Amino acid sequence: MSLKSNVLSLNRTDLYAHALSLFIRSNVHKVLDLSVSQLLHFLIDVADKYTEAPYHTFYHAVDIVTILYYLCHDLNADMYLTDLDKSILMVAALCHDIGHVSSNSLY
């Protein structure tokens, strides 16, 4: 995993694969008692809920998941978290902007 990863350069299929691999390497599927297939379907369902608003897209969400993975696994932040904590953070990072209409905070 590298911070030089650019999710914007991925096509949609590769974006799903990238996100799925981060979730699998974090054992989210095991912690939440999901099959890999169920996890993939969840990722696709989440992606479908994102709008095409500038910036607040599924690509942005996967980028945040990538940073979270880096913080937890490469910088060892996970030593302060339980497996359930990490799984919840991964899901929250993925879902944090669902339905965002791209209005600023003052709006």
C-alpha atoms as a PDB file:
ATOM      1  CA  MET A   1       0.000   0.000   0.000  1.00  0.00           C
ATOM      2  CA  SER A   2       1.341   3.364  -0.908  1.00  0.00           C
ATOM      3  CA  LEU A   3       0.124   6.893  -0.490  1.00  0.00           C
ATOM      4  CA  LYS A   4       0.998   7.314  -4.149  1.00  0.00           C
ATOM      5  CA  SER A   5      -2.055   5.222  -5.032  1.00  0.00           C
ATOM      6  CA  ASN A   6      -4.411   7.345  -7.109  1.00  0.00           C
ATOM      7  CA  VAL A   7      -7.937   5.993  -7.007  1.00  0.00           C
ATOM      8  CA  LEU A   8      -8.996   8.545  -9.636  1.00  0.00           C
ATOM      9  CA  SER A   9      -6.911   6.657 -12.184  1.00  0.00           C
ATOM     10  CA  LEU A  10      -8.915   3.462 -11.636  1.00  0.00           C
ATOM     11  CA  ASN A  11     -11.915   2.398 -13.657  1.00  0.00           C
ATOM     12  CA  ARG A  12     -15.002   1.413 -11.694  1.00  0.00           C
ATOM     13  CA  THR A  13     -14.201  -2.328 -11.676  1.00  0.00           C
ATOM     14  CA  ASP A  14     -10.655  -1.724 -10.455  1.00  0.00           C
ATOM     15  CA  LEU A  15     -11.982   0.701  -7.837  1.00  0.00           C
ATOM     16  CA  TYR A  16     -14.234  -2.060  -6.467  1.00  0.00           C
ATOM     17  CA  ALA A  17     -11.284  -4.467  -6.470  1.00  0.00           C
ATOM     18  CA  HIS A  18      -9.080  -1.945  -4.660  1.00  0.00           C
ATOM     19  CA  ALA A  19     -11.692  -1.239  -1.982  1.00  0.00           C
ATOM     20  CA  LEU A  20     -12.486  -4.931  -1.588  1.00  0.00           C
ATOM     21  CA  SER A  21      -8.813  -5.776  -1.144  1.00  0.00           C
ATOM     22  CA  LEU A  22      -8.437  -3.166   1.612  1.00  0.00           C
ATOM     23  CA  PHE A  23     -11.499  -4.503   3.415  1.00  0.00           C
ATOM     24  CA  ILE A  24     -10.279  -8.096   3.082  1.00  0.00           C
ATOM     25  CA  ARG A  25      -6.741  -7.257   4.249  1.00  0.00           C
ATOM     26  CA  SER A  26      -8.353  -5.555   7.247  1.00  0.00           C
ATOM     27  CA  ASN A  27     -10.450  -8.677   7.920  1.00  0.00           C
ATOM     28  CA  VAL A  28     -13.662  -6.667   7.877  1.00  0.00           C
ATOM     29  CA  HIS A  29     -15.532  -9.565   6.299  1.00  0.00           C
ATOM     30  CA  LYS A  30     -14.475 -11.900   9.103  1.00  0.00           C
ATOM     31  CA  VAL A  31     -15.205  -9.430  11.902  1.00  0.00           C
ATOM     32  CA  LEU A  32     -18.663  -8.664  10.480  1.00  0.00           C
ATOM     33  CA  ASP A  33     -19.290 -12.317   9.542  1.00  0.00           C
ATOM     34  CA  LEU A  34     -19.699 -11.661   5.819  1.00  0.00           C
ATOM     35  CA  SER A  35     -18.623 -13.669   2.824  1.00  0.00           C
ATOM     36  CA  VAL A  36     -16.354 -11.934   0.328  1.00  0.00           C
ATOM     37  CA  SER A  37     -19.283 -11.985  -2.098  1.00  0.00           C
ATOM     38  CA  GLN A  38     -21.543 -10.242   0.441  1.00  0.00           C
ATOM     39  CA  LEU A  39     -18.844  -7.664   1.073  1.00  0.00           C
ATOM     40  CA  LEU A  40     -18.495  -6.973  -2.661  1.00  0.00           C
ATOM     41  CA  HIS A  41     -22.258  -6.568  -2.994  1.00  0.00           C
ATOM     42  CA  PHE A  42     -22.185  -4.139  -0.071  1.00  0.00           C
ATOM     43  CA  LEU A  43     -19.464  -2.073  -1.788  1.00  0.00           C
ATOM     44  CA  ILE A  44     -21.480  -1.961  -5.010  1.00  0.00           C
ATOM     45  CA  ASP A  45     -24.650  -0.991  -3.132  1.00  0.00           C
ATOM     46  CA  VAL A  46     -22.783   1.803  -1.344  1.00  0.00           C
ATOM     47  CA  ALA A  47     -21.333   3.050  -4.640  1.00  0.00           C
ATOM     48  CA  ASP A  48     -24.833   3.195  -6.119  1.00  0.00           C
ATOM     49  CA  LYS A  49     -25.958   5.501  -3.296  1.00  0.00           C
ATOM     50  CA  TYR A  50     -23.303   8.123  -4.052  1.00  0.00           C
ATOM     51  CA  THR A  51     -24.261  11.001  -6.320  1.00  0.00           C
ATOM     52  CA  GLU A  52     -22.092  12.414  -9.063  1.00  0.00           C
ATOM     53  CA  ALA A  53     -21.631  15.641  -7.103  1.00  0.00           C
ATOM     54  CA  PRO A  54     -18.212  17.195  -7.544  1.00  0.00           C
ATOM     55  CA  TYR A  55     -15.728  15.662  -5.125  1.00  0.00           C
ATOM     56  CA  HIS A  56     -18.177  13.809  -2.849  1.00  0.00           C
ATOM     57  CA  THR A  57     -18.217  10.631  -4.916  1.00  0.00           C
ATOM     58  CA  PHE A  58     -17.549   6.958  -4.368  1.00  0.00           C
ATOM     59  CA  TYR A  59     -13.991   7.637  -5.608  1.00  0.00           C
ATOM     60  CA  HIS A  60     -13.530  10.105  -2.745  1.00  0.00           C
ATOM     61  CA  ALA A  61     -14.902   7.538  -0.287  1.00  0.00           C
ATOM     62  CA  VAL A  62     -12.457   4.868  -1.472  1.00  0.00           C
ATOM     63  CA  ASP A  63      -9.651   7.416  -1.253  1.00  0.00           C
ATOM     64  CA  ILE A  64     -10.561   8.010   2.424  1.00  0.00           C
ATOM     65  CA  VAL A  65     -10.653   4.242   3.022  1.00  0.00           C
ATOM     66  CA  THR A  66      -7.182   4.019   1.440  1.00  0.00           C
ATOM     67  CA  ILE A  67      -5.826   6.696   3.788  1.00  0.00           C
ATOM     68  CA  LEU A  68      -7.464   4.995   6.767  1.00  0.00           C
ATOM     69  CA  TYR A  69      -5.884   1.682   5.775  1.00  0.00           C
ATOM     70  CA  TYR A  70      -2.484   3.395   5.520  1.00  0.00           C
ATOM     71  CA  LEU A  71      -2.907   4.993   8.963  1.00  0.00           C
ATOM     72  CA  CYS A  72      -3.962   1.738  10.581  1.00  0.00           C
ATOM     73  CA  HIS A  73      -1.598  -0.692   8.916  1.00  0.00           C
ATOM     74  CA  ASP A  74       1.455   1.245   7.799  1.00  0.00           C
ATOM     75  CA  LEU A  75       1.589   3.771  10.645  1.00  0.00           C
ATOM     76  CA  ASN A  76       0.369   1.225  13.244  1.00  0.00           C
ATOM     77  CA  ALA A  77      -2.620   3.206  14.490  1.00  0.00           C
ATOM     78  CA  ASP A  78      -4.439  -0.128  14.639  1.00  0.00           C
ATOM     79  CA  MET A  79      -2.505  -1.026  17.779  1.00  0.00           C
ATOM     80  CA  TYR A  80      -4.938   1.261  19.608  1.00  0.00           C
ATOM     81  CA  LEU A  81      -8.051  -0.229  18.013  1.00  0.00           C
ATOM     82  CA  THR A  82      -9.952  -3.467  18.288  1.00  0.00           C
ATOM     83  CA  ASP A  83     -10.792  -5.423  15.147  1.00  0.00           C
ATOM     84  CA  LEU A  84     -14.388  -4.259  15.522  1.00  0.00           C
ATOM     85  CA  ASP A  85     -13.230  -0.619  15.848  1.00  0.00           C
ATOM     86  CA  LYS A  86     -11.244  -0.925  12.607  1.00  0.00           C
ATOM     87  CA  SER A  87     -14.154  -2.557  10.792  1.00  0.00           C
ATOM     88  CA  ILE A  88     -16.558   0.173  11.904  1.00  0.00           C
ATOM     89  CA  LEU A  89     -14.087   2.863  10.824  1.00  0.00           C
ATOM     90  CA  MET A  90     -13.684   1.257   7.391  1.00  0.00           C
ATOM     91  CA  VAL A  91     -17.448   1.108   6.838  1.00  0.00           C
ATOM     92  CA  ALA A  92     -17.892   4.670   8.142  1.00  0.00           C
ATOM     93  CA  ALA A  93     -15.132   5.968   5.874  1.00  0.00           C
ATOM     94  CA  LEU A  94     -16.740   4.287   2.890  1.00  0.00           C
ATOM     95  CA  CYS A  95     -20.220   5.630   3.649  1.00  0.00           C
ATOM     96  CA  HIS A  96     -19.435   9.074   5.057  1.00  0.00           C
ATOM     97  CA  ASP A  97     -20.647  11.155   2.079  1.00  0.00           C
ATOM     98  CA  ILE A  98     -23.534   9.058   0.748  1.00  0.00           C
ATOM     99  CA  GLY A  99     -26.120  11.393  -0.720  1.00  0.00           C
ATOM    100  CA  HIS A 100     -23.963  14.503  -0.317  1.00  0.00           C
ATOM    101  CA  VAL A 101     -25.291  17.128  -2.706  1.00  0.00           C
ATOM    102  CA  SER A 102     -22.021  19.082  -2.764  1.00  0.00           C
ATOM    103  CA  SER A 103     -23.319  22.150  -0.956  1.00  0.00           C
ATOM    104  CA  ASN A 104     -20.798  23.834   1.304  1.00  0.00           C
ATOM    105  CA  SER A 105     -21.130  23.812   5.079  1.00  0.00           C
ATOM    106  CA  LEU A 106     -22.570  27.336   5.185  1.00  0.00           C
ATOM    107  CA  TYR A 107     -25.433  26.224   2.944  1.00  0.00           C
END
